[in-house]
Amino acid sequence: MDKIKITFIGCGNMGRSLIGGLIANGHPPDCICGSDIDAGQRQFTRDQYGIETLDDNVRAVHGADVVVLAVKPQIIRQTLEPLGGVLARTHPLLLSIAAGIRLKHLARWGGAELAIVRVMPNTPALIQAGAAALCANSRVSTEQRNTAEAIMRSVGIITWVEDETLIDAVTALSGSGPAYYFYMMEVMERAGIELGLAPEQARILTLQTALGAAKMALECKDDPATLRKQVTSPGGTTEQALRVLHEGGFQALLTDAIKAAYKRADELARTWGDSG
């Protein structure tokens, strides 16, 4: 993929994270182009990564092997439709990271003959620690799947789903998931402060505990339930804390929260799709 030309429509945080990840993994900056209506975003991206940036999407996608849609879902239609002519002639791989916009809507607005991969990333991609799910339409070749995978692996781990409806589950679990953990960190910090720790002590202990727990879960062969049991001594402090969480309905509450996010993802997809 060294010589593949990749154009990013949208140079915001997620677009820039992918640009940075690609360059860090050795992709030549002169094979990457960015387009954005915001002059400040263009200048910042150009200065940070040394790539060409334009204010004209049609010019930007000329000659591109891959076009990455990194704009807000609400403006996907108005972004894609003017590109229909050039996309129909050049047939690049279209990679969309816009939440909630389904493959059939992307094909309707960008061209039914396009090879399209839909991606649900999450914000830790900004520090190359993301988790993303990908789903391809039937026109995506094996080579194009490999290209899409390589782009997203530059900022984290990936998994493919063959059933697009599962993207809503991914949105609820890992797309929104960082906020669940941030919220838990907030609560743990506050509790530590209430127990007498200095704010900076509560912060660093909470963050390192979260990092350590995630690292153990990633690197150990045991599943999270087994790891939890291993640190829960009968009659000890951890057992008491977990008892309170259990009696307070923590498991049911978190499950309901994820299901609520799933339901909202489906509602938004229907709203944005029906708008076109």
Protein backbone atom coordinates (compact mmCIF):
# COMPACT_ATOMS: atom_id res chain seq x y z
CA MET A 1 0.00 0.00 0.00
CA ASP A 2 3.03 2.28 -0.13
CA LYS A 3 1.99 4.05 -3.34
CA ILE A 4 -1.75 4.11 -2.76
CA LYS A 5 -3.13 7.64 -2.88
CA ILE A 6 -5.52 8.30 -0.01
CA THR A 7 -7.76 11.38 0.14
CA PHE A 8 -9.41 12.46 3.37
CA ILE A 9 -12.61 14.47 3.10
CA GLY A 10 -12.58 16.17 6.48
CA CYS A 11 -9.45 17.07 8.46
CA GLY A 12 -10.95 17.11 11.96
CA ASN A 13 -9.73 15.07 14.91
CA MET A 14 -10.57 11.62 13.55
CA GLY A 15 -9.34 12.38 10.05
CA ARG A 16 -6.06 13.74 11.42
CA SER A 17 -5.65 10.74 13.72
CA LEU A 18 -5.78 8.43 10.69
CA ILE A 19 -3.42 10.65 8.70
CA GLY A 20 -0.97 10.66 11.60
CA GLY A 21 -1.25 6.90 12.08
CA LEU A 22 -0.62 6.21 8.40
CA ILE A 23 2.45 8.45 8.30
CA ALA A 24 3.79 6.96 11.54
CA ASN A 25 3.44 3.55 9.89
CA GLY A 26 5.46 4.66 6.88
CA HIS A 27 2.86 5.80 4.36
CA PRO A 28 4.39 8.63 2.26
CA PRO A 29 2.90 12.07 3.03
CA ASP A 30 2.94 12.89 -0.69
CA CYS A 31 0.46 10.04 -1.22
CA ILE A 32 -2.05 11.59 1.20
CA CYS A 33 -4.35 14.53 0.49
CA GLY A 34 -6.77 16.27 2.80
CA SER A 35 -9.79 18.41 2.00
CA ASP A 36 -11.73 20.62 4.39
CA ILE A 37 -13.92 23.70 4.13
CA ASP A 38 -12.25 25.14 7.24
CA ALA A 39 -9.04 27.03 6.39
CA GLY A 40 -7.75 26.58 9.94
CA GLN A 41 -8.13 22.79 9.78
CA ARG A 42 -6.37 22.70 6.41
CA GLN A 43 -3.46 24.80 7.65
CA PHE A 44 -3.08 22.82 10.87
CA THR A 45 -3.12 19.49 9.03
CA ARG A 46 -0.67 20.71 6.40
CA ASP A 47 1.72 22.10 9.02
CA GLN A 48 1.52 19.01 11.24
CA TYR A 49 1.86 16.29 8.62
CA GLY A 50 3.27 17.93 5.49
CA ILE A 51 0.46 16.70 3.23
CA GLU A 52 -1.36 18.57 0.48
CA THR A 53 -4.62 20.12 1.65
CA LEU A 54 -7.37 21.56 -0.55
CA ASP A 55 -10.69 23.33 -0.17
CA ASP A 56 -12.25 21.56 -3.16
CA ASN A 57 -13.47 17.99 -2.61
CA VAL A 58 -13.81 17.25 -6.32
CA ARG A 59 -10.18 18.20 -6.97
CA ALA A 60 -9.06 16.30 -3.89
CA VAL A 61 -10.55 12.96 -4.95
CA HIS A 62 -9.13 13.02 -8.50
CA GLY A 63 -6.66 10.16 -8.81
CA ALA A 64 -7.38 8.80 -5.32
CA ASP A 65 -7.33 5.04 -4.78
CA VAL A 66 -9.11 5.47 -1.43
CA VAL A 67 -11.46 8.25 -0.32
CA VAL A 68 -12.00 8.47 3.43
CA LEU A 69 -15.17 10.25 4.50
CA ALA A 70 -14.37 11.87 7.84
CA VAL A 71 -17.16 14.42 8.10
CA LYS A 72 -20.17 14.65 10.39
CA PRO A 73 -23.09 12.33 9.54
CA GLN A 74 -25.43 15.28 9.07
CA ILE A 75 -23.47 16.54 6.04
CA ILE A 76 -22.58 13.22 4.39
CA ARG A 77 -25.24 13.53 1.70
CA GLN A 78 -24.30 17.08 0.69
CA THR A 79 -20.64 16.02 0.69
CA LEU A 80 -21.08 12.87 -1.39
CA GLU A 81 -23.59 13.86 -4.04
CA PRO A 82 -21.35 16.45 -5.79
CA LEU A 83 -18.62 13.80 -6.02
CA GLY A 84 -20.80 11.31 -7.88
CA GLY A 85 -19.38 12.11 -11.31
CA VAL A 86 -15.71 11.73 -10.47
CA LEU A 87 -16.32 8.69 -8.25
CA ALA A 88 -18.21 6.98 -11.09
CA ARG A 89 -15.24 7.49 -13.41
CA THR A 90 -12.42 6.53 -11.06
CA HIS A 91 -14.09 3.92 -8.77
CA PRO A 92 -11.96 4.43 -5.63
CA LEU A 93 -12.60 2.52 -2.43
CA LEU A 94 -14.91 4.64 -0.27
CA LEU A 95 -14.16 4.34 3.44
CA SER A 96 -16.72 6.04 5.69
CA ILE A 97 -16.17 6.69 9.39
CA ALA A 98 -19.40 8.67 9.72
CA ALA A 99 -21.46 7.17 12.54
CA GLY A 100 -24.91 5.93 11.62
CA ILE A 101 -24.71 6.27 7.83
CA ARG A 102 -25.43 2.88 6.33
CA LEU A 103 -23.91 1.28 3.27
CA LYS A 104 -27.09 1.59 1.21
CA HIS A 105 -27.27 5.33 1.90
CA LEU A 106 -23.62 5.84 1.01
CA ALA A 107 -24.23 3.98 -2.26
CA ARG A 108 -27.37 6.00 -2.97
CA TRP A 109 -25.58 9.32 -2.57
CA GLY A 110 -22.12 8.42 -3.88
CA GLY A 111 -22.88 5.86 -6.58
CA ALA A 112 -24.34 2.36 -6.60
CA GLU A 113 -21.27 0.90 -8.30
CA LEU A 114 -18.85 1.94 -5.55
CA ALA A 115 -16.87 -0.39 -3.32
CA ILE A 116 -17.69 0.89 0.18
CA VAL A 117 -16.42 0.02 3.64
CA ARG A 118 -18.21 1.42 6.65
CA VAL A 119 -16.15 1.84 9.82
CA MET A 120 -17.14 2.46 13.44
CA PRO A 121 -14.02 3.77 15.21
CA ASN A 122 -13.70 5.28 18.67
CA THR A 123 -11.88 8.29 20.10
CA PRO A 124 -8.78 6.47 21.45
CA ALA A 125 -7.80 6.28 17.77
CA LEU A 126 -6.53 9.81 18.43
CA ILE A 127 -3.65 8.23 20.39
CA GLN A 128 -3.29 5.12 18.21
CA ALA A 129 -5.20 3.00 20.75
CA GLY A 130 -8.53 2.75 18.98
CA ALA A 131 -10.93 -0.12 18.44
CA ALA A 132 -12.88 -0.24 15.18
CA ALA A 133 -15.33 -2.52 13.41
CA LEU A 134 -15.52 -2.64 9.61
CA CYS A 135 -18.28 -3.79 7.28
CA ALA A 136 -17.95 -4.00 3.49
CA ASN A 137 -20.48 -4.06 0.68
CA SER A 138 -20.38 -6.77 -1.97
CA ARG A 139 -18.25 -4.70 -4.38
CA VAL A 140 -15.21 -4.57 -2.09
CA SER A 141 -12.39 -6.81 -3.33
CA THR A 142 -10.02 -8.77 -1.12
CA GLU A 143 -7.28 -6.27 -1.92
CA GLN A 144 -9.53 -3.37 -0.95
CA ARG A 145 -10.48 -5.10 2.30
CA ASN A 146 -6.78 -5.43 3.08
CA THR A 147 -6.27 -1.74 2.32
CA ALA A 148 -9.14 -0.67 4.58
CA GLU A 149 -7.82 -2.92 7.31
CA ALA A 150 -4.29 -1.48 7.01
CA ILE A 151 -5.61 2.09 7.26
CA MET A 152 -7.58 1.39 10.42
CA ARG A 153 -4.86 -0.78 11.99
CA SER A 154 -2.61 2.29 11.87
CA VAL A 155 -4.61 3.68 14.83
CA GLY A 156 -5.58 0.55 16.77
CA ILE A 157 -7.19 -2.87 16.52
CA ILE A 158 -9.94 -3.85 14.09
CA THR A 159 -12.58 -6.50 13.62
CA TRP A 160 -14.80 -7.25 10.63
CA VAL A 161 -18.55 -7.79 10.87
CA GLU A 162 -20.44 -9.28 7.93
CA ASP A 163 -23.89 -8.26 9.18
CA GLU A 164 -24.15 -4.46 9.04
CA THR A 165 -26.78 -4.37 11.78
CA LEU A 166 -23.98 -5.34 14.19
CA ILE A 167 -22.38 -1.93 13.62
CA ASP A 168 -25.03 -0.47 15.93
CA ALA A 169 -23.92 -2.94 18.61
CA VAL A 170 -20.31 -1.88 18.05
CA THR A 171 -21.37 1.76 18.35
CA ALA A 172 -23.01 1.05 21.70
CA LEU A 173 -20.15 -1.05 23.03
CA SER A 174 -16.86 0.44 21.83
CA GLY A 175 -17.93 3.59 19.98
CA SER A 176 -19.60 5.06 23.07
CA GLY A 177 -17.60 2.83 25.43
CA PRO A 178 -14.76 5.24 26.29
CA ALA A 179 -17.32 7.55 27.91
CA TYR A 180 -18.48 4.74 30.20
CA TYR A 181 -14.94 4.24 31.46
CA PHE A 182 -14.33 7.99 31.78
CA TYR A 183 -17.49 8.23 33.88
CA MET A 184 -16.33 5.41 36.14
CA MET A 185 -12.96 7.16 36.51
CA GLU A 186 -14.77 10.37 37.49
CA VAL A 187 -16.71 8.55 40.19
CA MET A 188 -13.63 6.70 41.51
CA GLU A 189 -11.61 9.92 41.68
CA ARG A 190 -14.39 11.70 43.55
CA ALA A 191 -14.71 8.83 46.02
CA GLY A 192 -10.96 8.87 46.64
CA ILE A 193 -11.07 12.60 47.35
CA GLU A 194 -14.02 12.13 49.73
CA LEU A 195 -11.93 9.56 51.60
CA GLY A 196 -9.15 12.10 52.11
CA LEU A 197 -6.78 11.70 49.15
CA ALA A 198 -5.47 14.78 47.40
CA PRO A 199 -7.07 15.31 43.95
CA GLU A 200 -3.81 14.60 42.12
CA GLN A 201 -3.37 11.38 44.15
CA ALA A 202 -6.91 10.23 43.42
CA ARG A 203 -6.41 11.01 39.73
CA ILE A 204 -3.14 9.14 39.19
CA LEU A 205 -4.19 6.13 41.26
CA THR A 206 -7.49 5.88 39.34
CA LEU A 207 -5.85 6.21 35.92
CA GLN A 208 -3.05 3.75 36.61
CA THR A 209 -5.53 1.25 38.04
CA ALA A 210 -7.65 1.50 34.89
CA LEU A 211 -4.57 1.12 32.69
CA GLY A 212 -3.26 -1.81 34.69
CA ALA A 213 -6.59 -3.63 34.70
CA ALA A 214 -6.95 -3.20 30.92
CA LYS A 215 -3.38 -4.35 30.35
CA MET A 216 -3.92 -7.45 32.47
CA ALA A 217 -7.15 -8.27 30.64
CA LEU A 218 -5.38 -7.90 27.28
CA GLU A 219 -2.28 -9.88 28.16
CA CYS A 220 -3.62 -12.66 30.40
CA LYS A 221 -5.28 -15.75 28.97
CA ASP A 222 -8.01 -15.61 31.61
CA ASP A 223 -11.29 -13.84 30.93
CA PRO A 224 -12.39 -10.79 32.98
CA ALA A 225 -14.66 -12.85 35.22
CA THR A 226 -11.75 -15.10 36.21
CA LEU A 227 -9.45 -12.12 36.79
CA ARG A 228 -12.11 -10.53 39.00
CA LYS A 229 -12.37 -13.67 41.10
CA GLN A 230 -8.59 -13.84 41.45
CA VAL A 231 -8.47 -10.43 43.15
CA THR A 232 -11.55 -11.01 45.31
CA SER A 233 -10.56 -12.59 48.60
CA PRO A 234 -13.43 -14.04 50.67
CA GLY A 235 -14.38 -11.58 53.38
CA GLY A 236 -12.01 -8.95 52.03
CA THR A 237 -12.37 -5.36 50.89
CA THR A 238 -12.90 -6.14 47.21
CA GLU A 239 -15.69 -8.57 48.01
CA GLN A 240 -17.46 -5.90 50.04
CA ALA A 241 -17.19 -3.36 47.24
CA LEU A 242 -18.43 -5.81 44.61
CA ARG A 243 -21.34 -6.80 46.85
CA VAL A 244 -22.49 -3.17 46.92
CA LEU A 245 -22.21 -2.92 43.14
CA HIS A 246 -24.15 -6.14 42.69
CA GLU A 247 -26.92 -5.20 45.12
CA GLY A 248 -27.14 -1.77 43.50
CA GLY A 249 -27.90 -3.35 40.16
CA PHE A 250 -24.63 -2.37 38.48
CA GLN A 251 -24.71 -5.21 35.93
CA ALA A 252 -28.30 -4.57 34.88
CA LEU A 253 -27.78 -0.81 34.81
CA LEU A 254 -24.70 -0.96 32.57
CA THR A 255 -26.39 -3.49 30.27
CA ASP A 256 -29.43 -1.23 29.99
CA ALA A 257 -27.16 1.73 29.23
CA ILE A 258 -25.46 -0.12 26.37
CA LYS A 259 -28.84 -1.22 25.01
CA ALA A 260 -30.05 2.39 25.16
CA ALA A 261 -27.03 3.47 23.12
CA TYR A 262 -27.76 0.67 20.64
CA LYS A 263 -31.37 1.80 20.26
CA ARG A 264 -30.30 5.42 19.73
CA ALA A 265 -27.72 4.39 17.12
CA ASP A 266 -30.47 2.65 15.16
CA GLU A 267 -32.79 5.67 15.48
CA LEU A 268 -30.12 8.06 14.25
CA ALA A 269 -29.23 5.81 11.31
CA ARG A 270 -32.86 5.75 10.26
CA THR A 271 -33.18 9.53 10.65
CA TRP A 272 -30.05 10.38 8.65
CA GLY A 273 -30.81 7.78 6.00
CA ASP A 274 -34.42 8.81 5.56
CA SER A 275 -33.33 12.45 5.19
CA GLY A 276 -31.97 11.49 1.79
